[in-house]
N, C-alpha and C. Protein backbone atom coordinates (compact mmCIF):
# COMPACT_ATOMS: atom_id res chain seq x y z
N MET A 1 -63.59 -23.30 -67.78
CA MET A 1 -62.52 -22.57 -68.43
C MET A 1 -62.88 -21.25 -68.99
N GLY A 2 -62.73 -19.79 -68.27
CA GLY A 2 -63.13 -18.73 -68.80
C GLY A 2 -62.68 -18.09 -70.31
N ILE A 3 -63.05 -17.14 -70.53
CA ILE A 3 -62.50 -16.92 -71.82
C ILE A 3 -60.98 -16.28 -71.89
N LEU A 4 -60.09 -16.05 -70.74
CA LEU A 4 -58.68 -15.93 -70.85
C LEU A 4 -58.33 -17.30 -70.65
N GLY A 5 -58.97 -18.29 -70.35
CA GLY A 5 -58.09 -19.24 -70.29
C GLY A 5 -58.29 -19.92 -68.55
N LYS A 6 -57.41 -21.02 -67.97
CA LYS A 6 -57.41 -21.28 -66.86
C LYS A 6 -57.06 -20.40 -66.08
N PRO A 7 -57.83 -20.12 -64.64
CA PRO A 7 -57.58 -19.09 -63.66
C PRO A 7 -56.17 -19.41 -62.94
N ILE A 8 -55.79 -20.52 -63.20
CA ILE A 8 -54.41 -20.94 -62.10
C ILE A 8 -53.77 -21.86 -63.14
N ILE A 9 -52.37 -21.60 -63.44
CA ILE A 9 -51.63 -22.29 -64.34
C ILE A 9 -50.53 -22.83 -63.46
N SER A 10 -49.59 -23.85 -64.23
CA SER A 10 -48.12 -24.11 -63.39
C SER A 10 -47.23 -23.53 -64.04
N LEU A 11 -46.16 -23.38 -63.69
CA LEU A 11 -44.91 -22.66 -64.26
C LEU A 11 -44.24 -23.43 -65.28
N GLY A 12 -44.83 -24.36 -65.26
CA GLY A 12 -44.28 -25.07 -66.62
C GLY A 12 -45.26 -24.40 -68.10
N GLU A 13 -46.38 -24.46 -67.53
CA GLU A 13 -47.32 -24.01 -68.62
C GLU A 13 -47.45 -22.32 -68.73
N LEU A 14 -46.71 -21.65 -67.82
CA LEU A 14 -46.49 -20.17 -68.01
C LEU A 14 -44.90 -19.96 -68.91
N GLU A 15 -44.25 -20.91 -68.49
CA GLU A 15 -42.93 -20.68 -69.24
C GLU A 15 -43.19 -21.04 -70.87
N GLN A 16 -43.83 -22.26 -70.82
CA GLN A 16 -44.25 -22.65 -72.47
C GLN A 16 -44.93 -21.33 -73.13
N ALA A 17 -45.73 -20.73 -72.27
CA ALA A 17 -46.84 -19.71 -73.15
C ALA A 17 -45.48 -18.70 -73.22
N LEU A 18 -44.71 -18.22 -72.58
CA LEU A 18 -43.51 -17.38 -72.47
C LEU A 18 -42.89 -17.69 -74.00
N VAL A 19 -42.36 -18.78 -74.37
CA VAL A 19 -41.41 -19.29 -75.19
C VAL A 19 -42.22 -19.01 -76.39
N ASP A 20 -43.96 -19.44 -76.24
CA ASP A 20 -44.97 -19.01 -77.36
C ASP A 20 -44.87 -17.71 -78.06
N VAL A 21 -44.56 -16.73 -77.15
CA VAL A 21 -44.53 -15.05 -77.24
C VAL A 21 -43.27 -14.56 -77.23
N SER A 22 -42.37 -15.32 -77.47
CA SER A 22 -41.10 -14.79 -77.65
C SER A 22 -40.41 -14.35 -78.63
N HIS A 23 -41.13 -14.75 -79.87
CA HIS A 23 -40.70 -14.29 -81.03
C HIS A 23 -40.88 -12.75 -81.71
N LEU A 24 -40.07 -12.02 -82.59
CA LEU A 24 -40.35 -10.75 -82.73
C LEU A 24 -41.68 -10.86 -83.91
N PRO A 25 -42.78 -9.93 -82.96
CA PRO A 25 -43.82 -10.22 -84.26
C PRO A 25 -43.72 -9.12 -85.46
N GLU A 26 -44.23 -9.51 -86.38
CA GLU A 26 -44.29 -8.50 -87.53
C GLU A 26 -45.32 -7.33 -87.18
N ASN A 27 -46.03 -7.11 -86.34
CA ASN A 27 -47.19 -6.05 -86.06
C ASN A 27 -46.22 -5.16 -84.87
N VAL A 28 -45.94 -4.27 -84.81
CA VAL A 28 -45.36 -3.35 -83.90
C VAL A 28 -46.08 -3.03 -82.53
N ASP A 29 -47.21 -3.39 -82.47
CA ASP A 29 -48.25 -3.16 -81.65
C ASP A 29 -48.46 -4.47 -81.00
N GLU A 30 -47.70 -5.59 -81.59
CA GLU A 30 -48.23 -7.22 -81.00
C GLU A 30 -47.22 -7.27 -79.58
N VAL A 31 -47.74 -7.52 -78.35
CA VAL A 31 -47.31 -8.08 -77.18
C VAL A 31 -46.32 -8.92 -77.34
N PHE A 32 -45.22 -8.97 -77.04
CA PHE A 32 -44.11 -10.01 -76.79
C PHE A 32 -43.33 -10.31 -75.60
N SER A 33 -42.51 -11.21 -75.46
CA SER A 33 -41.72 -11.35 -74.27
C SER A 33 -40.34 -11.22 -74.77
N PRO A 34 -39.51 -10.50 -74.64
CA PRO A 34 -38.21 -10.73 -75.51
C PRO A 34 -37.14 -11.30 -74.19
N SER A 35 -37.59 -11.17 -72.85
CA SER A 35 -36.42 -12.10 -72.15
C SER A 35 -37.48 -12.75 -70.72
N PHE A 36 -37.30 -13.76 -70.53
CA PHE A 36 -37.93 -14.57 -69.04
C PHE A 36 -37.08 -15.47 -68.59
N PHE A 37 -37.09 -15.81 -67.38
CA PHE A 37 -36.19 -16.77 -66.83
C PHE A 37 -36.84 -17.71 -65.79
N PHE A 38 -36.68 -18.71 -65.74
CA PHE A 38 -37.21 -19.59 -64.35
C PHE A 38 -36.01 -20.39 -63.87
N ASN A 39 -36.05 -20.07 -62.41
CA ASN A 39 -35.40 -20.97 -61.41
C ASN A 39 -35.88 -22.03 -60.92
N TYR A 40 -35.41 -23.37 -61.21
CA TYR A 40 -36.34 -24.62 -60.45
C TYR A 40 -35.22 -25.13 -59.82
N GLU A 41 -34.32 -24.53 -58.97
CA GLU A 41 -33.21 -25.16 -58.49
C GLU A 41 -33.88 -25.58 -57.21
N ASN A 42 -33.72 -26.78 -56.70
CA ASN A 42 -34.15 -27.46 -55.30
C ASN A 42 -32.87 -27.11 -54.15
N ASP A 43 -32.44 -25.98 -53.69
CA ASP A 43 -31.60 -25.61 -52.93
C ASP A 43 -32.00 -24.81 -51.57
N ASP A 44 -31.89 -25.33 -50.60
CA ASP A 44 -32.51 -24.98 -49.47
C ASP A 44 -32.15 -23.43 -49.43
N ASN A 45 -31.03 -22.74 -49.75
CA ASN A 45 -30.43 -21.61 -49.64
C ASN A 45 -31.25 -20.55 -50.70
N VAL A 46 -32.02 -20.97 -51.86
CA VAL A 46 -32.26 -20.12 -52.82
C VAL A 46 -33.95 -20.72 -53.04
N GLN A 47 -34.42 -19.74 -53.00
CA GLN A 47 -35.96 -20.21 -53.35
C GLN A 47 -36.05 -20.18 -55.11
N ASN A 48 -37.34 -20.82 -55.49
CA ASN A 48 -37.67 -21.06 -56.66
C ASN A 48 -38.14 -19.46 -57.06
N TYR A 49 -37.74 -19.10 -58.25
CA TYR A 49 -38.28 -17.88 -58.87
C TYR A 49 -38.18 -17.79 -60.19
N PHE A 50 -38.97 -16.84 -60.97
CA PHE A 50 -39.38 -16.40 -62.35
C PHE A 50 -39.19 -15.14 -62.56
N ARG A 51 -38.81 -14.69 -63.30
CA ARG A 51 -39.30 -13.48 -64.11
C ARG A 51 -39.39 -13.21 -65.37
N PHE A 52 -40.29 -12.31 -65.59
CA PHE A 52 -40.42 -12.03 -67.48
C PHE A 52 -40.82 -10.55 -67.60
N PHE A 53 -40.78 -10.32 -68.59
CA PHE A 53 -41.02 -9.29 -69.50
C PHE A 53 -41.77 -9.11 -70.57
N PHE A 54 -42.78 -8.34 -70.38
CA PHE A 54 -43.69 -8.06 -71.83
C PHE A 54 -43.33 -6.59 -72.22
N THR A 55 -43.65 -6.26 -73.83
CA THR A 55 -43.36 -5.34 -74.32
C THR A 55 -43.75 -5.09 -75.72
N THR A 56 -43.85 -4.25 -76.40
CA THR A 56 -43.98 -4.12 -77.85
C THR A 56 -42.83 -3.48 -78.61
N MET A 57 -42.77 -4.00 -79.95
CA MET A 57 -41.76 -3.13 -80.82
C MET A 57 -42.17 -1.77 -80.94
N ARG A 58 -43.20 -1.33 -80.48
CA ARG A 58 -43.40 0.47 -80.75
C ARG A 58 -42.79 1.18 -79.46
N LEU A 59 -42.76 0.37 -78.48
CA LEU A 59 -42.36 0.74 -77.01
C LEU A 59 -40.94 0.82 -77.17
N LEU A 60 -40.40 -0.27 -77.57
CA LEU A 60 -39.05 -0.48 -77.61
C LEU A 60 -38.50 0.64 -78.41
N THR A 61 -38.98 0.94 -79.58
CA THR A 61 -38.63 2.14 -80.56
C THR A 61 -38.39 3.46 -79.69
N GLN A 62 -39.51 3.57 -78.77
CA GLN A 62 -39.56 5.14 -78.20
C GLN A 62 -38.10 5.15 -77.16
N LEU A 63 -37.41 3.85 -77.00
CA LEU A 63 -36.00 4.28 -76.14
C LEU A 63 -35.24 4.98 -76.96
N THR A 64 -35.10 4.88 -78.19
CA THR A 64 -34.31 5.95 -78.98
C THR A 64 -34.64 7.71 -78.53
N ASN A 65 -35.65 7.87 -78.07
CA ASN A 65 -36.42 9.26 -77.72
C ASN A 65 -36.18 10.05 -76.56
N GLY A 66 -35.32 9.13 -75.74
CA GLY A 66 -35.17 9.64 -74.55
C GLY A 66 -33.97 9.06 -74.06
N ASP A 67 -33.50 9.70 -72.48
CA ASP A 67 -32.13 9.01 -71.72
C ASP A 67 -32.63 7.85 -70.54
N ASN A 68 -33.82 8.03 -70.30
CA ASN A 68 -34.11 6.96 -69.33
C ASN A 68 -35.17 6.18 -69.67
N LEU A 69 -35.00 4.88 -69.00
CA LEU A 69 -36.09 3.78 -68.99
C LEU A 69 -36.96 3.55 -67.90
N HIS A 70 -37.95 3.89 -67.56
CA HIS A 70 -38.89 3.87 -66.29
C HIS A 70 -39.59 2.62 -66.68
N VAL A 71 -39.23 1.60 -65.46
CA VAL A 71 -40.01 0.35 -65.62
C VAL A 71 -41.01 -0.11 -64.20
N GLY A 72 -41.96 -0.67 -64.34
CA GLY A 72 -42.77 -0.73 -63.02
C GLY A 72 -42.86 -2.22 -62.89
N ALA A 73 -43.00 -2.83 -61.60
CA ALA A 73 -43.12 -4.21 -61.41
C ALA A 73 -44.09 -4.24 -60.66
N THR A 74 -44.69 -5.49 -59.99
CA THR A 74 -45.70 -5.99 -59.39
C THR A 74 -45.19 -7.29 -58.50
N TYR A 75 -44.98 -7.38 -57.49
CA TYR A 75 -44.71 -8.47 -56.42
C TYR A 75 -46.03 -9.27 -55.68
N LYS A 76 -46.38 -10.24 -55.95
CA LYS A 76 -47.52 -10.97 -55.24
C LYS A 76 -47.38 -12.35 -55.21
N VAL A 77 -47.67 -12.64 -53.86
CA VAL A 77 -47.47 -14.46 -53.86
C VAL A 77 -48.61 -14.70 -53.37
N THR A 78 -49.19 -15.80 -53.83
CA THR A 78 -50.67 -16.45 -53.44
C THR A 78 -50.31 -17.71 -53.14
N HIS A 79 -50.59 -18.03 -51.85
CA HIS A 79 -50.18 -19.34 -51.26
C HIS A 79 -51.45 -20.27 -50.54
N ASP A 80 -52.08 -21.08 -51.48
CA ASP A 80 -53.01 -21.80 -50.91
C ASP A 80 -52.57 -23.04 -50.35
N ALA A 81 -52.82 -23.21 -48.92
CA ALA A 81 -52.19 -24.44 -48.74
C ALA A 81 -53.59 -24.97 -47.92
N LYS A 82 -53.64 -26.62 -48.02
CA LYS A 82 -54.84 -27.38 -47.60
C LYS A 82 -54.39 -27.46 -45.86
N LYS A 83 -55.38 -27.57 -45.21
CA LYS A 83 -55.18 -27.80 -43.79
C LYS A 83 -54.89 -29.12 -43.46
N ALA A 84 -54.23 -29.78 -42.82
CA ALA A 84 -54.07 -31.31 -42.77
C ALA A 84 -55.23 -31.54 -41.59
N ASP A 85 -56.10 -32.69 -41.97
CA ASP A 85 -56.87 -33.32 -40.93
C ASP A 85 -56.11 -34.02 -39.78
């Protein structure tokens, strides 16, 4: 295991990690996750998905200084399938 932890984690481990950092921190520069959602539905028409948001209190307070909020997002799918013998 590296300095940052395991290189691959399950969705359950990710969800628990987000629960662990979802509280309002005392330090205005500490990162926390005010919002996250996991969809585990097993419906053929809807794929499983998740979303989460990281920020700091300092960044959120900057919202009062302007009229717009610009958000960046990254979408990446990694699929590692084993070949059937």
